[in-house]
Amino acid sequence: MVSLVVSDIVAIEDQGADDNGAFHFKRVNDEHGHPAGDLALIAFATVLTGSTRRSDLAARYGGEEFVVVTSNTSPSEAALVAEKIRLAVARMRVDIGKGRERLHFSTSVGLANFPQDTTSGHDLIRLADEALYAAKGQGRNRVVDIASMVRTPARARSENKKEPSPMGEGSLN
C-alpha cells in the first residue's frame, strides 16, 4: 500500500486570532524577500521530515505544493500522518527579521491511497490533487481524503469483491 499526501503552504501574518492576514506562499517572497521565503521552506521541510518516517519520501512538488509518499501504510495510518503534518505546520513560526512580525502558517492536505483509490500512479497524483483542492475549497487548513469525496473505481472494485461463503456455493446461510 502506498499513500500520497499533497499539501500546500499558506503564510499568515501574526495579527491576532483571525486569519485575515492569510496570503499565498508566493507573497512571502514578494513582500518579505527570498531569504524569508527560504526560511519558511526550511521550516516546512523540517516539519515534513519530522512528521514522517525515514522510509517515506517528502518533496517539493511545485511552488507552494509538497508531496509525501508513504509505503506500507494503511489509509487510516496515512490520514494520521497527514493530520500530524497539518497540526505541526499550524505550530510553525518563522521570524522574518528586520523587526517585522513573525509569520505562522497553515496547510491544506489532500490524500489518496494505492491500491484502494486507484491502481495508476498518474491517477494517484490526480486524486490527491483533487482532494487538496477540495480542502482549499472547504476553507483550507484541513485534511481531505479522496475516499470521503468520491467512490473511485478501484474502491468500488474492492467493495464489490464478495468473500466466498464458508458453507460453499449454493448454501443457505
C-alpha atoms as a PDB file:
ATOM      1  CA  MET A   1       0.000   0.000   0.000  1.00  0.00           C
ATOM      2  CA  VAL A   2       1.181   3.458  -0.894  1.00  0.00           C
ATOM      3  CA  SER A   3      -0.371   6.729   0.192  1.00  0.00           C
ATOM      4  CA  LEU A   4       0.154  10.105  -1.397  1.00  0.00           C
ATOM      5  CA  VAL A   5      -0.250  13.251   0.655  1.00  0.00           C
ATOM      6  CA  VAL A   6      -0.246  16.525  -1.262  1.00  0.00           C
ATOM      7  CA  SER A   7      -0.222  19.768   0.709  1.00  0.00           C
ATOM      8  CA  ASP A   8       0.179  23.463   0.179  1.00  0.00           C
ATOM      9  CA  ILE A   9       1.527  26.111   2.495  1.00  0.00           C
ATOM     10  CA  VAL A  10      -0.176  29.405   3.331  1.00  0.00           C
ATOM     11  CA  ALA A  11       1.534  32.132   5.345  1.00  0.00           C
ATOM     12  CA  ILE A  12      -0.405  34.112   7.915  1.00  0.00           C
ATOM     13  CA  GLU A  13       0.991  37.307   9.395  1.00  0.00           C
ATOM     14  CA  ASP A  14       0.623  37.406  13.163  1.00  0.00           C
ATOM     15  CA  GLN A  15      -2.246  39.862  13.541  1.00  0.00           C
ATOM     16  CA  GLY A  16      -4.262  38.326  16.333  1.00  0.00           C
ATOM     17  CA  ALA A  17      -6.512  35.296  16.377  1.00  0.00           C
ATOM     18  CA  ASP A  18      -8.103  35.642  12.954  1.00  0.00           C
ATOM     19  CA  ASP A  19      -6.663  34.642   9.610  1.00  0.00           C
ATOM     20  CA  ASN A  20      -7.275  37.988   7.891  1.00  0.00           C
ATOM     21  CA  GLY A  21      -3.552  38.208   7.235  1.00  0.00           C
ATOM     22  CA  ALA A  22      -3.528  34.995   5.169  1.00  0.00           C
ATOM     23  CA  PHE A  23      -1.757  35.053   1.850  1.00  0.00           C
ATOM     24  CA  HIS A  24      -0.346  32.502  -0.532  1.00  0.00           C
ATOM     25  CA  PHE A  25       3.241  31.437  -0.092  1.00  0.00           C
ATOM     26  CA  LYS A  26       4.474  33.247  -3.222  1.00  0.00           C
ATOM     27  CA  ARG A  27       3.738  36.520  -1.446  1.00  0.00           C
ATOM     28  CA  VAL A  28       6.246  35.647   1.280  1.00  0.00           C
ATOM     29  CA  ASN A  29       8.948  36.077  -1.354  1.00  0.00           C
ATOM     30  CA  ASP A  30       7.222  39.049  -2.991  1.00  0.00           C
ATOM     31  CA  GLU A  31       6.570  41.015   0.210  1.00  0.00           C
ATOM     32  CA  HIS A  32       9.312  39.857   2.575  1.00  0.00           C
ATOM     33  CA  GLY A  33      12.095  38.784   0.208  1.00  0.00           C
ATOM     34  CA  HIS A  34      13.561  35.468  -0.842  1.00  0.00           C
ATOM     35  CA  PRO A  35      15.549  34.972   2.382  1.00  0.00           C
ATOM     36  CA  ALA A  36      12.225  34.970   4.308  1.00  0.00           C
ATOM     37  CA  GLY A  37      10.785  32.516   1.784  1.00  0.00           C
ATOM     38  CA  ASP A  38      13.834  30.305   2.193  1.00  0.00           C
ATOM     39  CA  LEU A  39      13.382  30.315   5.985  1.00  0.00           C
ATOM     40  CA  ALA A  40       9.739  29.294   5.533  1.00  0.00           C
ATOM     41  CA  LEU A  41      10.693  26.463   3.158  1.00  0.00           C
ATOM     42  CA  ILE A  42      13.332  25.197   5.579  1.00  0.00           C
ATOM     43  CA  ALA A  43      10.825  25.268   8.445  1.00  0.00           C
ATOM     44  CA  PHE A  44       8.220  23.447   6.347  1.00  0.00           C
ATOM     45  CA  ALA A  45      10.754  20.832   5.222  1.00  0.00           C
ATOM     46  CA  THR A  46      11.698  20.290   8.866  1.00  0.00           C
ATOM     47  CA  VAL A  47       8.028  19.710   9.693  1.00  0.00           C
ATOM     48  CA  LEU A  48       7.660  17.212   6.842  1.00  0.00           C
ATOM     49  CA  THR A  49      10.739  15.215   7.755  1.00  0.00           C
ATOM     50  CA  GLY A  50       9.842  15.338  11.450  1.00  0.00           C
ATOM     51  CA  SER A  51       6.323  14.075  10.740  1.00  0.00           C
ATOM     52  CA  THR A  52       7.267  11.158   8.506  1.00  0.00           C
ATOM     53  CA  ARG A  53       9.380   8.023   8.652  1.00  0.00           C
ATOM     54  CA  ARG A  54      12.851   7.734   7.150  1.00  0.00           C
ATOM     55  CA  SER A  55      11.385   5.360   4.550  1.00  0.00           C
ATOM     56  CA  ASP A  56       8.834   7.968   3.375  1.00  0.00           C
ATOM     57  CA  LEU A  57       9.551  10.441   0.598  1.00  0.00           C
ATOM     58  CA  ALA A  58       8.846  14.129   1.190  1.00  0.00           C
ATOM     59  CA  ALA A  59       9.478  16.562  -1.663  1.00  0.00           C
ATOM     60  CA  ARG A  60       8.509  19.933  -3.042  1.00  0.00           C
ATOM     61  CA  TYR A  61       6.058  19.294  -5.872  1.00  0.00           C
ATOM     62  CA  GLY A  62       5.743  22.824  -7.201  1.00  0.00           C
ATOM     63  CA  GLY A  63       5.604  26.431  -5.994  1.00  0.00           C
ATOM     64  CA  GLU A  64       3.740  26.055  -2.724  1.00  0.00           C
ATOM     65  CA  GLU A  65       2.809  22.377  -3.049  1.00  0.00           C
ATOM     66  CA  PHE A  66       4.573  19.466  -1.436  1.00  0.00           C
ATOM     67  CA  VAL A  67       4.129  15.711  -1.621  1.00  0.00           C
ATOM     68  CA  VAL A  68       4.700  12.916   0.857  1.00  0.00           C
ATOM     69  CA  VAL A  69       4.765   9.337  -0.395  1.00  0.00           C
ATOM     70  CA  THR A  70       4.373   6.669   2.267  1.00  0.00           C
ATOM     71  CA  SER A  71       4.768   2.957   1.650  1.00  0.00           C
ATOM     72  CA  ASN A  72       3.415   0.063   3.692  1.00  0.00           C
ATOM     73  CA  THR A  73       0.878   2.458   5.163  1.00  0.00           C
ATOM     74  CA  SER A  74      -2.836   1.818   5.552  1.00  0.00           C
ATOM     75  CA  PRO A  75      -5.285   4.582   4.593  1.00  0.00           C
ATOM     76  CA  SER A  76      -6.014   5.255   8.281  1.00  0.00           C
ATOM     77  CA  GLU A  77      -2.288   5.494   9.072  1.00  0.00           C
ATOM     78  CA  ALA A  78      -1.801   7.868   6.124  1.00  0.00           C
ATOM     79  CA  ALA A  79      -4.638  10.050   7.419  1.00  0.00           C
ATOM     80  CA  LEU A  80      -2.875  10.220  10.796  1.00  0.00           C
ATOM     81  CA  VAL A  81       0.371  11.293   9.088  1.00  0.00           C
ATOM     82  CA  ALA A  82      -1.497  13.966   7.118  1.00  0.00           C
ATOM     83  CA  GLU A  83      -3.146  15.327  10.269  1.00  0.00           C
ATOM     84  CA  LYS A  84       0.191  15.245  12.116  1.00  0.00           C
ATOM     85  CA  ILE A  85       1.697  17.377   9.343  1.00  0.00           C
ATOM     86  CA  ARG A  86      -1.251  19.805   9.427  1.00  0.00           C
ATOM     87  CA  LEU A  87      -1.003  20.282  13.188  1.00  0.00           C
ATOM     88  CA  ALA A  88       2.793  20.692  13.107  1.00  0.00           C
ATOM     89  CA  VAL A  89       2.523  23.347  10.376  1.00  0.00           C
ATOM     90  CA  ALA A  90      -0.065  25.209  12.463  1.00  0.00           C
ATOM     91  CA  ARG A  91       2.527  25.408  15.289  1.00  0.00           C
ATOM     92  CA  MET A  92       5.274  26.554  12.895  1.00  0.00           C
ATOM     93  CA  ARG A  93       6.592  30.114  13.333  1.00  0.00           C
ATOM     94  CA  VAL A  94       9.144  31.867  11.145  1.00  0.00           C
ATOM     95  CA  ASP A  95      10.865  35.037  12.302  1.00  0.00           C
ATOM     96  CA  ILE A  96      11.450  37.011   9.124  1.00  0.00           C
ATOM     97  CA  GLY A  97      13.712  39.501  10.894  1.00  0.00           C
ATOM     98  CA  LYS A  98      14.096  43.240  10.421  1.00  0.00           C
ATOM     99  CA  GLY A  99      11.717  43.926  13.310  1.00  0.00           C
ATOM    100  CA  ARG A 100       8.818  42.512  11.323  1.00  0.00           C
ATOM    101  CA  GLU A 101       6.291  40.266  12.951  1.00  0.00           C
ATOM    102  CA  ARG A 102       6.724  36.533  12.723  1.00  0.00           C
ATOM    103  CA  LEU A 103       4.774  34.521  10.212  1.00  0.00           C
ATOM    104  CA  HIS A 104       2.784  31.456  11.068  1.00  0.00           C
ATOM    105  CA  PHE A 105       1.370  29.005   8.571  1.00  0.00           C
ATOM    106  CA  SER A 106      -1.417  26.630   7.741  1.00  0.00           C
ATOM    107  CA  THR A 107      -1.611  23.778   5.283  1.00  0.00           C
ATOM    108  CA  SER A 108      -4.365  22.118   3.330  1.00  0.00           C
ATOM    109  CA  VAL A 109      -3.818  18.434   2.651  1.00  0.00           C
ATOM    110  CA  GLY A 110      -5.178  16.072   0.005  1.00  0.00           C
ATOM    111  CA  LEU A 111      -4.839  12.326   0.489  1.00  0.00           C
ATOM    112  CA  ALA A 112      -5.174   9.360  -1.888  1.00  0.00           C
ATOM    113  CA  ASN A 113      -4.199   5.710  -1.441  1.00  0.00           C
ATOM    114  CA  PHE A 114      -2.883   2.972  -3.737  1.00  0.00           C
ATOM    115  CA  PRO A 115      -4.433   0.490  -4.482  1.00  0.00           C
ATOM    116  CA  GLN A 116      -7.566   1.455  -2.537  1.00  0.00           C
ATOM    117  CA  ASP A 117      -8.353   4.534  -4.648  1.00  0.00           C
ATOM    118  CA  THR A 118      -6.565   3.710  -7.890  1.00  0.00           C
ATOM    119  CA  THR A 119      -4.072   1.306  -9.415  1.00  0.00           C
ATOM    120  CA  SER A 120      -2.437   4.029 -11.529  1.00  0.00           C
ATOM    121  CA  GLY A 121       0.398   6.223 -10.307  1.00  0.00           C
ATOM    122  CA  HIS A 122      -0.783   9.061 -12.549  1.00  0.00           C
ATOM    123  CA  ASP A 123      -4.311   8.835 -11.140  1.00  0.00           C
ATOM    124  CA  LEU A 124      -2.951   8.669  -7.590  1.00  0.00           C
ATOM    125  CA  ILE A 125      -1.388  12.113  -8.057  1.00  0.00           C
ATOM    126  CA  ARG A 126      -4.529  13.452  -9.762  1.00  0.00           C
ATOM    127  CA  LEU A 127      -6.806  12.151  -6.981  1.00  0.00           C
ATOM    128  CA  ALA A 128      -4.607  13.539  -4.193  1.00  0.00           C
ATOM    129  CA  ASP A 129      -4.575  16.876  -6.022  1.00  0.00           C
ATOM    130  CA  GLU A 130      -8.390  16.805  -6.307  1.00  0.00           C
ATOM    131  CA  ALA A 131      -8.602  16.193  -2.563  1.00  0.00           C
ATOM    132  CA  LEU A 132      -6.174  19.091  -1.965  1.00  0.00           C
ATOM    133  CA  TYR A 133      -8.364  21.442  -3.994  1.00  0.00           C
ATOM    134  CA  ALA A 134     -11.409  20.250  -2.043  1.00  0.00           C
ATOM    135  CA  ALA A 135      -9.571  21.048   1.213  1.00  0.00           C
ATOM    136  CA  LYS A 136      -8.811  24.537  -0.095  1.00  0.00           C
ATOM    137  CA  GLY A 137     -12.428  24.948  -1.192  1.00  0.00           C
ATOM    138  CA  GLN A 138     -13.697  23.926   2.236  1.00  0.00           C
ATOM    139  CA  GLY A 139     -11.821  26.763   3.910  1.00  0.00           C
ATOM    140  CA  ARG A 140      -8.219  25.490   3.989  1.00  0.00           C
ATOM    141  CA  ASN A 141      -6.235  24.206   6.983  1.00  0.00           C
ATOM    142  CA  ARG A 142      -7.740  20.719   6.812  1.00  0.00           C
ATOM    143  CA  VAL A 143      -7.115  17.193   5.538  1.00  0.00           C
ATOM    144  CA  VAL A 144      -9.399  15.759   2.853  1.00  0.00           C
ATOM    145  CA  ASP A 145      -9.175  12.117   1.789  1.00  0.00           C
ATOM    146  CA  ILE A 146     -10.347  11.460  -1.771  1.00  0.00           C
ATOM    147  CA  ALA A 147     -12.245   8.436  -0.405  1.00  0.00           C
ATOM    148  CA  SER A 148     -14.527  10.807   1.509  1.00  0.00           C
ATOM    149  CA  MET A 149     -15.375  12.628  -1.727  1.00  0.00           C
ATOM    150  CA  VAL A 150     -15.894  10.034  -4.414  1.00  0.00           C
ATOM    151  CA  ARG A 151     -16.220   6.312  -4.835  1.00  0.00           C
ATOM    152  CA  THR A 152     -13.208   5.669  -7.040  1.00  0.00           C
ATOM    153  CA  PRO A 153     -13.240   2.741  -9.489  1.00  0.00           C
ATOM    154  CA  ALA A 154     -10.544   0.885  -7.504  1.00  0.00           C
ATOM    155  CA  ARG A 155     -12.514   1.323  -4.271  1.00  0.00           C
ATOM    156  CA  ALA A 156     -15.696   0.154  -5.987  1.00  0.00           C
ATOM    157  CA  ARG A 157     -13.907  -2.981  -7.218  1.00  0.00           C
ATOM    158  CA  SER A 158     -12.613  -3.790  -3.748  1.00  0.00           C
ATOM    159  CA  GLU A 159     -16.049  -3.176  -2.205  1.00  0.00           C
ATOM    160  CA  ASN A 160     -17.725  -5.408  -4.781  1.00  0.00           C
ATOM    161  CA  LYS A 161     -15.421  -8.358  -4.144  1.00  0.00           C
ATOM    162  CA  LYS A 162     -17.502 -10.891  -2.295  1.00  0.00           C
ATOM    163  CA  GLU A 163     -15.932 -13.223   0.182  1.00  0.00           C
ATOM    164  CA  PRO A 164     -16.733 -16.871  -0.509  1.00  0.00           C
ATOM    165  CA  SER A 165     -19.305 -18.378   1.759  1.00  0.00           C
ATOM    166  CA  PRO A 166     -17.790 -20.669   4.395  1.00  0.00           C
ATOM    167  CA  MET A 167     -20.652 -23.096   3.632  1.00  0.00           C
ATOM    168  CA  GLY A 168     -19.743 -23.377  -0.052  1.00  0.00           C
ATOM    169  CA  GLU A 169     -21.648 -22.266  -3.157  1.00  0.00           C
ATOM    170  CA  GLY A 170     -25.373 -22.658  -3.142  1.00  0.00           C
ATOM    171  CA  SER A 171     -25.557 -22.843   0.639  1.00  0.00           C
ATOM    172  CA  LEU A 172     -28.431 -21.333   2.533  1.00  0.00           C
ATOM    173  CA  ASN A 173     -26.545 -19.322   5.081  1.00  0.00           C
END
